[in-house]
Amino acid sequence: MILEKLDRTFNASKFYGPKIKRSEELLHADVKSMDKKELKEVFETAIFKKDTLAIFNSEGSLPTLFYIESTAAWGTRKLKPVKDFGYRYTTVSYNEEKDTLAVLNGVSFPALTMAEDKNGELVYLYALKTSKNKDDFQNIYNYLQNSFTKLTLQDDAGSGIKGWENKDFYYFLHKKK
């Protein structure tokens, strides 16, 4: 997926469907009956999961009345949701060096998390990358800086998060050291 071409019509369930199916097959495979080559493939294949998201009442524990979380999360399993929200797709395991799910300005991302609402509309995409290449961050920063309108963000506790927007999306970039 080329992130520069991403638009609001992107279908996360279609993108993740075959990946989730393959992950389920691998997780339910009988590893005792596999030879070394098959086992190697299993351990080198990225694994994905799909969670159901719902809206929960914060009951005063947060500064907001409601929050969105997976119905399978440890803190929400026993709670009754206010209503269903949609789905979250997560890259659970991957090979940083070999896997590429998305590319932005020539920088590859091996792991993504996406959410869609119950109507199938993309709600957010979170791209994750660990890089020893110092140019990767700069390439992404330059692309965002030159392509979109800069947001003015409050810098809470030196978070270092930068933001931009266009007509469809907000973009946030954070560099961890």
N, C-alpha and C. Protein backbone atom coordinates (compact mmCIF):
# COMPACT_ATOMS: atom_id res chain seq x y z
N MET A 1 0.85 -1.16 0.00
CA MET A 1 0.00 0.00 0.00
C MET A 1 0.90 1.24 0.00
N ILE A 2 0.61 2.14 -0.89
CA ILE A 2 1.35 3.40 -0.99
C ILE A 2 0.54 4.44 -0.20
N LEU A 3 1.07 4.88 0.91
CA LEU A 3 0.32 5.77 1.80
C LEU A 3 0.04 7.13 1.18
N GLU A 4 0.87 7.57 0.24
CA GLU A 4 0.62 8.84 -0.42
C GLU A 4 -0.69 8.81 -1.22
N LYS A 5 -1.12 7.62 -1.63
CA LYS A 5 -2.33 7.46 -2.43
C LYS A 5 -3.55 7.08 -1.60
N LEU A 6 -3.39 6.94 -0.31
CA LEU A 6 -4.49 6.55 0.57
C LEU A 6 -5.56 7.64 0.59
N ASP A 7 -6.81 7.21 0.48
CA ASP A 7 -7.91 8.16 0.60
C ASP A 7 -9.00 7.59 1.50
N ARG A 8 -10.06 8.34 1.68
CA ARG A 8 -11.13 7.96 2.62
C ARG A 8 -11.89 6.72 2.18
N THR A 9 -11.74 6.30 0.92
CA THR A 9 -12.46 5.13 0.45
C THR A 9 -11.70 3.83 0.72
N PHE A 10 -10.53 3.91 1.34
CA PHE A 10 -9.73 2.72 1.60
C PHE A 10 -10.53 1.73 2.44
N ASN A 11 -10.51 0.46 2.04
CA ASN A 11 -11.27 -0.59 2.70
C ASN A 11 -10.32 -1.45 3.54
N ALA A 12 -10.28 -1.20 4.84
CA ALA A 12 -9.36 -1.92 5.73
C ALA A 12 -9.70 -3.40 5.81
N SER A 13 -10.98 -3.74 5.84
CA SER A 13 -11.34 -5.16 5.96
C SER A 13 -10.93 -5.94 4.70
N LYS A 14 -11.02 -5.32 3.55
CA LYS A 14 -10.59 -5.96 2.30
C LYS A 14 -9.06 -6.13 2.30
N PHE A 15 -8.35 -5.12 2.76
CA PHE A 15 -6.89 -5.17 2.83
C PHE A 15 -6.42 -6.27 3.79
N TYR A 16 -7.05 -6.34 4.97
CA TYR A 16 -6.63 -7.28 6.00
C TYR A 16 -7.26 -8.66 5.89
N GLY A 17 -8.37 -8.80 5.15
CA GLY A 17 -9.08 -10.07 5.08
C GLY A 17 -8.20 -11.27 4.80
N PRO A 18 -7.44 -11.29 3.69
CA PRO A 18 -6.58 -12.44 3.40
C PRO A 18 -5.46 -12.62 4.44
N LYS A 19 -4.98 -11.52 5.00
CA LYS A 19 -3.92 -11.60 6.00
C LYS A 19 -4.43 -12.23 7.30
N ILE A 20 -5.64 -11.86 7.70
CA ILE A 20 -6.26 -12.43 8.90
C ILE A 20 -6.52 -13.92 8.68
N LYS A 21 -7.05 -14.26 7.51
CA LYS A 21 -7.34 -15.66 7.19
C LYS A 21 -6.07 -16.50 7.26
N ARG A 22 -4.99 -16.01 6.64
CA ARG A 22 -3.71 -16.73 6.65
C ARG A 22 -3.16 -16.85 8.07
N SER A 23 -3.30 -15.81 8.86
CA SER A 23 -2.83 -15.85 10.25
C SER A 23 -3.58 -16.90 11.04
N GLU A 24 -4.90 -16.97 10.86
CA GLU A 24 -5.70 -17.98 11.57
C GLU A 24 -5.31 -19.39 11.15
N GLU A 25 -5.05 -19.57 9.86
CA GLU A 25 -4.59 -20.89 9.38
C GLU A 25 -3.28 -21.28 10.04
N LEU A 26 -2.35 -20.35 10.10
CA LEU A 26 -1.05 -20.64 10.71
C LEU A 26 -1.16 -20.90 12.20
N LEU A 27 -2.01 -20.13 12.88
CA LEU A 27 -2.15 -20.31 14.33
C LEU A 27 -2.86 -21.61 14.70
N HIS A 28 -3.64 -22.15 13.78
CA HIS A 28 -4.35 -23.40 14.04
C HIS A 28 -3.68 -24.61 13.40
N ALA A 29 -2.53 -24.38 12.78
CA ALA A 29 -1.81 -25.46 12.12
C ALA A 29 -1.20 -26.41 13.14
N ASP A 30 -1.08 -27.66 12.76
CA ASP A 30 -0.45 -28.67 13.61
C ASP A 30 1.06 -28.64 13.36
N VAL A 31 1.77 -27.91 14.21
CA VAL A 31 3.21 -27.74 14.00
C VAL A 31 3.99 -29.04 14.19
N LYS A 32 3.41 -29.99 14.91
CA LYS A 32 4.10 -31.27 15.13
C LYS A 32 4.24 -32.06 13.84
N SER A 33 3.36 -31.81 12.89
CA SER A 33 3.40 -32.57 11.63
C SER A 33 4.17 -31.84 10.53
N MET A 34 4.74 -30.69 10.85
CA MET A 34 5.46 -29.90 9.83
C MET A 34 6.93 -30.24 9.79
N ASP A 35 7.50 -30.13 8.59
CA ASP A 35 8.95 -30.30 8.46
C ASP A 35 9.62 -28.95 8.74
N LYS A 36 10.94 -28.93 8.72
CA LYS A 36 11.68 -27.71 9.08
C LYS A 36 11.36 -26.54 8.16
N LYS A 37 11.21 -26.81 6.87
CA LYS A 37 10.92 -25.76 5.90
C LYS A 37 9.56 -25.12 6.20
N GLU A 38 8.57 -25.95 6.48
CA GLU A 38 7.23 -25.44 6.80
C GLU A 38 7.23 -24.66 8.11
N LEU A 39 7.93 -25.16 9.10
CA LEU A 39 8.04 -24.45 10.39
C LEU A 39 8.71 -23.10 10.23
N LYS A 40 9.77 -23.07 9.42
CA LYS A 40 10.47 -21.81 9.17
C LYS A 40 9.53 -20.79 8.55
N GLU A 41 8.72 -21.24 7.59
CA GLU A 41 7.75 -20.34 6.95
C GLU A 41 6.75 -19.80 7.98
N VAL A 42 6.27 -20.67 8.84
CA VAL A 42 5.31 -20.25 9.87
C VAL A 42 5.92 -19.16 10.76
N PHE A 43 7.15 -19.39 11.20
CA PHE A 43 7.79 -18.44 12.12
C PHE A 43 8.24 -17.15 11.43
N GLU A 44 8.35 -17.16 10.12
CA GLU A 44 8.77 -15.97 9.39
C GLU A 44 7.61 -15.23 8.73
N THR A 45 6.40 -15.68 8.96
CA THR A 45 5.22 -15.06 8.37
C THR A 45 4.60 -14.09 9.36
N ALA A 46 4.32 -12.87 8.90
CA ALA A 46 3.68 -11.87 9.76
C ALA A 46 2.30 -12.38 10.18
N ILE A 47 1.92 -12.04 11.41
CA ILE A 47 0.63 -12.47 11.96
C ILE A 47 -0.21 -11.23 12.24
N PHE A 48 -1.50 -11.34 11.92
CA PHE A 48 -2.44 -10.22 12.07
C PHE A 48 -3.64 -10.67 12.88
N LYS A 49 -4.29 -9.70 13.54
CA LYS A 49 -5.51 -10.03 14.28
C LYS A 49 -6.56 -8.95 14.05
N LYS A 50 -7.80 -9.34 14.29
CA LYS A 50 -8.94 -8.45 14.15
C LYS A 50 -9.67 -8.41 15.49
N ASP A 51 -9.91 -7.20 15.98
CA ASP A 51 -10.64 -7.01 17.24
C ASP A 51 -11.93 -6.26 16.96
N THR A 52 -12.95 -6.59 17.71
CA THR A 52 -14.19 -5.81 17.68
C THR A 52 -14.03 -4.64 18.63
N LEU A 53 -14.33 -3.44 18.16
CA LEU A 53 -14.26 -2.23 18.98
C LEU A 53 -15.67 -1.83 19.40
N ALA A 54 -15.76 -1.32 20.61
CA ALA A 54 -17.05 -0.85 21.12
C ALA A 54 -16.84 0.42 21.93
N ILE A 55 -17.93 1.11 22.17
CA ILE A 55 -17.91 2.33 22.99
C ILE A 55 -18.33 1.93 24.40
N PHE A 56 -17.50 2.31 25.37
CA PHE A 56 -17.76 2.00 26.77
C PHE A 56 -17.93 3.27 27.57
N ASN A 57 -18.71 3.20 28.63
CA ASN A 57 -18.90 4.31 29.57
C ASN A 57 -17.67 4.36 30.47
N SER A 58 -17.05 5.53 30.58
CA SER A 58 -15.84 5.65 31.40
C SER A 58 -16.14 5.67 32.90
N GLU A 59 -17.40 5.87 33.24
CA GLU A 59 -17.83 5.88 34.65
C GLU A 59 -16.96 6.78 35.51
N GLY A 60 -16.54 7.90 34.94
CA GLY A 60 -15.77 8.89 35.69
C GLY A 60 -14.29 8.61 35.82
N SER A 61 -13.81 7.50 35.25
CA SER A 61 -12.38 7.19 35.38
C SER A 61 -11.53 7.94 34.37
N LEU A 62 -12.15 8.56 33.38
CA LEU A 62 -11.45 9.36 32.38
C LEU A 62 -12.08 10.74 32.32
N PRO A 63 -11.39 11.71 31.73
CA PRO A 63 -11.98 13.05 31.62
C PRO A 63 -13.08 13.12 30.55
N THR A 64 -13.37 12.01 29.88
CA THR A 64 -14.46 11.96 28.90
C THR A 64 -15.52 10.98 29.39
N LEU A 65 -16.74 11.11 28.89
CA LEU A 65 -17.82 10.22 29.30
C LEU A 65 -17.65 8.81 28.74
N PHE A 66 -17.12 8.73 27.50
CA PHE A 66 -17.03 7.45 26.82
C PHE A 66 -15.63 7.25 26.25
N TYR A 67 -15.30 6.00 25.95
CA TYR A 67 -14.05 5.68 25.29
C TYR A 67 -14.26 4.47 24.38
N ILE A 68 -13.38 4.32 23.40
CA ILE A 68 -13.45 3.20 22.46
C ILE A 68 -12.34 2.22 22.81
N GLU A 69 -12.70 0.95 22.88
CA GLU A 69 -11.71 -0.09 23.20
C GLU A 69 -12.18 -1.41 22.62
N SER A 70 -11.26 -2.35 22.53
CA SER A 70 -11.57 -3.70 22.07
C SER A 70 -12.46 -4.39 23.10
N THR A 71 -13.40 -5.17 22.63
CA THR A 71 -14.26 -5.92 23.55
C THR A 71 -13.50 -7.09 24.18
N ALA A 72 -12.32 -7.41 23.64
CA ALA A 72 -11.51 -8.51 24.17
C ALA A 72 -10.40 -8.04 25.10
N ALA A 73 -10.27 -6.73 25.31
CA ALA A 73 -9.22 -6.21 26.19
C ALA A 73 -9.50 -6.64 27.63
N TRP A 74 -8.44 -6.81 28.41
CA TRP A 74 -8.63 -7.32 29.77
C TRP A 74 -9.53 -6.41 30.61
N GLY A 75 -9.50 -5.12 30.38
CA GLY A 75 -10.30 -4.20 31.17
C GLY A 75 -11.74 -4.06 30.72
N THR A 76 -12.08 -4.63 29.57
CA THR A 76 -13.44 -4.46 29.05
C THR A 76 -14.19 -5.78 28.85
N ARG A 77 -13.53 -6.89 29.03
CA ARG A 77 -14.17 -8.20 28.76
C ARG A 77 -15.47 -8.39 29.51
N LYS A 78 -15.52 -7.91 30.73
CA LYS A 78 -16.71 -8.13 31.56
C LYS A 78 -17.67 -6.94 31.54
N LEU A 79 -17.31 -5.89 30.79
CA LEU A 79 -18.16 -4.70 30.73
C LEU A 79 -19.17 -4.80 29.59
N LYS A 80 -20.30 -4.17 29.78
CA LYS A 80 -21.31 -4.11 28.72
C LYS A 80 -21.07 -2.82 27.93
N PRO A 81 -20.83 -2.95 26.62
CA PRO A 81 -20.60 -1.75 25.82
C PRO A 81 -21.88 -0.93 25.66
N VAL A 82 -21.69 0.38 25.49
CA VAL A 82 -22.82 1.26 25.20
C VAL A 82 -23.33 0.95 23.80
N LYS A 83 -22.39 0.78 22.85
CA LYS A 83 -22.75 0.34 21.50
C LYS A 83 -21.51 -0.11 20.76
N ASP A 84 -21.73 -0.89 19.70
CA ASP A 84 -20.62 -1.35 18.87
C ASP A 84 -20.08 -0.17 18.07
N PHE A 85 -18.77 -0.20 17.81
CA PHE A 85 -18.15 0.86 17.04
C PHE A 85 -17.66 0.38 15.67
N GLY A 86 -16.88 -0.71 15.66
CA GLY A 86 -16.30 -1.20 14.41
C GLY A 86 -15.24 -2.24 14.69
N TYR A 87 -14.15 -2.19 13.91
CA TYR A 87 -13.08 -3.19 14.03
C TYR A 87 -11.71 -2.54 13.98
N ARG A 88 -10.76 -3.22 14.65
CA ARG A 88 -9.36 -2.81 14.61
C ARG A 88 -8.55 -3.99 14.08
N TYR A 89 -7.65 -3.69 13.16
CA TYR A 89 -6.77 -4.69 12.56
C TYR A 89 -5.35 -4.35 12.99
N THR A 90 -4.64 -5.35 13.52
CA THR A 90 -3.33 -5.11 14.09
C THR A 90 -2.31 -6.10 13.56
N THR A 91 -1.11 -5.61 13.28
CA THR A 91 0.02 -6.47 12.96
C THR A 91 0.59 -6.92 14.30
N VAL A 92 0.49 -8.22 14.57
CA VAL A 92 0.90 -8.75 15.88
C VAL A 92 2.38 -9.11 15.89
N SER A 93 2.83 -9.79 14.85
CA SER A 93 4.26 -10.13 14.76
C SER A 93 4.71 -9.93 13.31
N TYR A 94 5.95 -9.56 13.15
CA TYR A 94 6.48 -9.26 11.83
C TYR A 94 7.99 -9.25 11.89
N ASN A 95 8.60 -9.25 10.70
CA ASN A 95 10.05 -9.16 10.58
C ASN A 95 10.38 -7.75 10.12
N GLU A 96 11.00 -6.99 10.97
CA GLU A 96 11.33 -5.58 10.69
C GLU A 96 12.12 -5.42 9.40
N GLU A 97 12.97 -6.38 9.10
CA GLU A 97 13.84 -6.28 7.93
C GLU A 97 13.15 -6.72 6.63
N LYS A 98 12.23 -7.67 6.71
CA LYS A 98 11.68 -8.27 5.49
C LYS A 98 10.25 -7.84 5.15
N ASP A 99 9.43 -7.53 6.14
CA ASP A 99 8.01 -7.25 5.90
C ASP A 99 7.78 -5.79 5.55
N THR A 100 6.91 -5.56 4.58
CA THR A 100 6.50 -4.21 4.22
C THR A 100 5.00 -4.23 3.96
N LEU A 101 4.24 -3.52 4.77
CA LEU A 101 2.79 -3.39 4.57
C LEU A 101 2.44 -2.10 3.87
N ALA A 102 3.26 -1.08 4.12
CA ALA A 102 2.97 0.24 3.54
C ALA A 102 4.27 0.97 3.29
N VAL A 103 4.19 1.95 2.38
CA VAL A 103 5.35 2.78 2.05
C VAL A 103 4.90 4.23 2.03
N LEU A 104 5.70 5.10 2.64
CA LEU A 104 5.44 6.54 2.60
C LEU A 104 6.74 7.24 2.21
N ASN A 105 6.73 7.90 1.07
CA ASN A 105 7.88 8.64 0.56
C ASN A 105 9.15 7.78 0.57
N GLY A 106 9.02 6.55 0.14
CA GLY A 106 10.15 5.63 0.04
C GLY A 106 10.53 4.93 1.33
N VAL A 107 9.85 5.22 2.42
CA VAL A 107 10.13 4.59 3.71
C VAL A 107 9.11 3.48 3.93
N SER A 108 9.59 2.26 4.16
CA SER A 108 8.67 1.13 4.33
C SER A 108 8.29 0.95 5.80
N PHE A 109 7.06 0.48 5.98
CA PHE A 109 6.52 0.20 7.32
C PHE A 109 6.10 -1.26 7.40
N PRO A 110 6.68 -2.03 8.32
CA PRO A 110 6.35 -3.44 8.44
C PRO A 110 5.11 -3.71 9.30
N ALA A 111 4.66 -2.73 10.06
CA ALA A 111 3.54 -2.95 10.97
C ALA A 111 2.55 -1.79 10.87
N LEU A 112 1.27 -2.16 10.81
CA LEU A 112 0.20 -1.17 10.78
C LEU A 112 -0.90 -1.59 11.75
N THR A 113 -1.59 -0.60 12.26
CA THR A 113 -2.84 -0.82 12.97
C THR A 113 -3.85 0.10 12.32
N MET A 114 -5.01 -0.45 11.98
CA MET A 114 -6.07 0.34 11.36
C MET A 114 -7.37 0.06 12.07
N ALA A 115 -8.24 1.05 12.04
CA ALA A 115 -9.59 0.85 12.58
C ALA A 115 -10.59 1.36 11.57
N GLU A 116 -11.74 0.69 11.55
CA GLU A 116 -12.85 1.11 10.71
C GLU A 116 -14.11 1.14 11.57
N ASP A 117 -15.02 2.04 11.24
CA ASP A 117 -16.28 2.07 11.97
C ASP A 117 -17.19 0.96 11.45
N LYS A 118 -18.38 0.84 12.04
CA LYS A 118 -19.27 -0.26 11.66
C LYS A 118 -19.80 -0.13 10.23
N ASN A 119 -19.62 1.04 9.61
CA ASN A 119 -19.99 1.23 8.21
C ASN A 119 -18.84 0.91 7.26
N GLY A 120 -17.70 0.48 7.81
CA GLY A 120 -16.55 0.13 6.98
C GLY A 120 -15.69 1.31 6.58
N GLU A 121 -15.91 2.48 7.18
CA GLU A 121 -15.10 3.66 6.85
C GLU A 121 -13.85 3.70 7.71
N LEU A 122 -12.73 4.01 7.06
CA LEU A 122 -11.45 4.09 7.74
C LEU A 122 -11.49 5.19 8.81
N VAL A 123 -11.12 4.84 10.02
CA VAL A 123 -11.13 5.79 11.13
C VAL A 123 -9.71 6.26 11.44
N TYR A 124 -8.77 5.34 11.49
CA TYR A 124 -7.38 5.73 11.68
C TYR A 124 -6.44 4.65 11.17
N LEU A 125 -5.22 5.07 10.92
CA LEU A 125 -4.14 4.18 10.54
C LEU A 125 -2.92 4.60 11.35
N TYR A 126 -2.30 3.64 11.99
CA TYR A 126 -1.10 3.88 12.78
C TYR A 126 0.01 3.04 12.16
N ALA A 127 1.04 3.70 11.63
CA ALA A 127 2.17 3.01 11.01
C ALA A 127 3.35 3.05 11.97
N LEU A 128 4.00 1.91 12.13
CA LEU A 128 5.10 1.78 13.08
C LEU A 128 6.35 1.31 12.36
N LYS A 129 7.47 1.92 12.73
CA LYS A 129 8.75 1.53 12.14
C LYS A 129 9.87 1.76 13.14
N THR A 130 10.74 0.78 13.23
CA THR A 130 11.98 0.94 13.97
C THR A 130 13.06 1.05 12.90
N SER A 131 13.86 2.09 12.97
CA SER A 131 14.83 2.28 11.90
C SER A 131 16.18 2.70 12.44
N LYS A 132 17.20 2.12 11.89
CA LYS A 132 18.56 2.54 12.19
C LYS A 132 19.01 3.58 11.17
N ASN A 133 18.22 3.75 10.12
CA ASN A 133 18.52 4.71 9.07
C ASN A 133 17.97 6.07 9.49
N LYS A 134 18.85 6.99 9.82
CA LYS A 134 18.42 8.31 10.29
C LYS A 134 17.69 9.11 9.22
N ASP A 135 17.89 8.75 7.95
CA ASP A 135 17.21 9.46 6.86
C ASP A 135 15.72 9.14 6.80
N ASP A 136 15.30 7.99 7.32
CA ASP A 136 13.88 7.61 7.26
C ASP A 136 12.99 8.67 7.90
N PHE A 137 13.33 9.06 9.12
CA PHE A 137 12.51 10.08 9.81
C PHE A 137 12.50 11.38 9.02
N GLN A 138 13.65 11.80 8.56
CA GLN A 138 13.76 13.06 7.82
C GLN A 138 12.96 13.01 6.52
N ASN A 139 12.99 11.86 5.82
CA ASN A 139 12.23 11.71 4.58
C ASN A 139 10.73 11.84 4.84
N ILE A 140 10.25 11.23 5.91
CA ILE A 140 8.83 11.32 6.25
C ILE A 140 8.49 12.75 6.66
N TYR A 141 9.32 13.33 7.51
CA TYR A 141 9.09 14.70 7.96
C TYR A 141 9.02 15.67 6.77
N ASN A 142 10.00 15.58 5.86
CA ASN A 142 10.03 16.47 4.70
C ASN A 142 8.79 16.29 3.84
N TYR A 143 8.37 15.05 3.63
CA TYR A 143 7.17 14.80 2.83
C TYR A 143 5.94 15.45 3.47
N LEU A 144 5.74 15.23 4.76
CA LEU A 144 4.58 15.80 5.45
C LEU A 144 4.66 17.32 5.46
N GLN A 145 5.82 17.86 5.72
CA GLN A 145 6.02 19.31 5.79
C GLN A 145 5.73 19.99 4.45
N ASN A 146 6.12 19.33 3.36
CA ASN A 146 5.95 19.92 2.03
C ASN A 146 4.60 19.63 1.40
N SER A 147 3.87 18.65 1.91
CA SER A 147 2.63 18.22 1.26
C SER A 147 1.36 18.67 1.97
N PHE A 148 1.44 18.96 3.25
CA PHE A 148 0.23 19.22 4.02
C PHE A 148 0.34 20.48 4.86
N THR A 149 -0.76 20.89 5.44
CA THR A 149 -0.81 22.09 6.27
C THR A 149 -0.40 21.71 7.70
N LYS A 150 0.57 22.45 8.22
CA LYS A 150 1.07 22.19 9.57
C LYS A 150 0.01 22.53 10.62
N LEU A 151 -0.11 21.68 11.63
CA LEU A 151 -1.00 21.92 12.76
C LEU A 151 -0.19 22.53 13.91
N THR A 152 -0.83 23.36 14.67
CA THR A 152 -0.21 23.86 15.89
C THR A 152 -0.68 22.97 17.03
N LEU A 153 0.25 22.24 17.62
CA LEU A 153 -0.08 21.31 18.70
C LEU A 153 0.51 21.79 20.00
N GLN A 154 -0.22 21.55 21.07
CA GLN A 154 0.31 21.83 22.40
C GLN A 154 1.31 20.73 22.72
N ASP A 155 2.50 21.10 23.15
CA ASP A 155 3.54 20.12 23.44
C ASP A 155 3.47 19.72 24.91
N ASP A 156 2.67 18.70 25.19
CA ASP A 156 2.53 18.21 26.56
C ASP A 156 3.76 17.42 26.98
N ALA A 157 4.43 17.89 27.97
CA ALA A 157 5.58 17.21 28.58
C ALA A 157 6.65 16.82 27.55
N GLY A 158 6.86 17.69 26.57
CA GLY A 158 7.92 17.45 25.60
C GLY A 158 7.71 16.22 24.74
N SER A 159 6.49 15.95 24.34
CA SER A 159 6.18 14.75 23.57
C SER A 159 6.86 14.73 22.20
N GLY A 160 7.11 15.90 21.62
CA GLY A 160 7.77 15.97 20.33
C GLY A 160 6.89 15.55 19.17
N ILE A 161 5.60 15.47 19.36
CA ILE A 161 4.68 15.08 18.29
C ILE A 161 4.44 16.28 17.38
N LYS A 162 4.57 16.05 16.08
CA LYS A 162 4.32 17.06 15.07
C LYS A 162 3.05 16.65 14.33
N GLY A 163 2.30 17.64 13.80
CA GLY A 163 1.06 17.31 13.12
C GLY A 163 0.82 18.12 11.86
N TRP A 164 0.09 17.52 10.92
CA TRP A 164 -0.29 18.14 9.66
C TRP A 164 -1.70 17.69 9.33
N GLU A 165 -2.33 18.37 8.36
CA GLU A 165 -3.66 17.96 7.92
C GLU A 165 -3.83 18.24 6.44
N ASN A 166 -4.78 17.51 5.85
CA ASN A 166 -5.28 17.82 4.52
C ASN A 166 -6.80 17.69 4.59
N LYS A 167 -7.47 17.69 3.46
CA LYS A 167 -8.94 17.67 3.48
C LYS A 167 -9.51 16.37 4.04
N ASP A 168 -8.74 15.29 4.03
CA ASP A 168 -9.23 13.99 4.49
C ASP A 168 -8.67 13.51 5.82
N PHE A 169 -7.41 13.83 6.11
CA PHE A 169 -6.74 13.20 7.24
C PHE A 169 -5.93 14.19 8.07
N TYR A 170 -5.66 13.75 9.30
CA TYR A 170 -4.65 14.37 10.16
C TYR A 170 -3.47 13.42 10.15
N TYR A 171 -2.26 13.95 10.17
CA TYR A 171 -1.03 13.17 10.17
C TYR A 171 -0.23 13.58 11.39
N PHE A 172 0.23 12.60 12.16
CA PHE A 172 1.06 12.88 13.32
C PHE A 172 2.33 12.08 13.21
N LEU A 173 3.42 12.70 13.57
CA LEU A 173 4.74 12.06 13.49
C LEU A 173 5.42 12.20 14.84
N HIS A 174 5.92 11.08 15.32
CA HIS A 174 6.60 11.06 16.62
C HIS A 174 7.85 10.21 16.50
N LYS A 175 8.94 10.76 16.96
CA LYS A 175 10.22 10.06 16.92
C LYS A 175 10.60 9.69 18.35
N LYS A 176 10.74 8.38 18.57
CA LYS A 176 11.21 7.90 19.86
C LYS A 176 12.69 7.63 19.77
N LYS A 177 13.38 7.93 20.83
CA LYS A 177 14.84 7.72 20.83
C LYS A 177 15.21 6.50 21.62
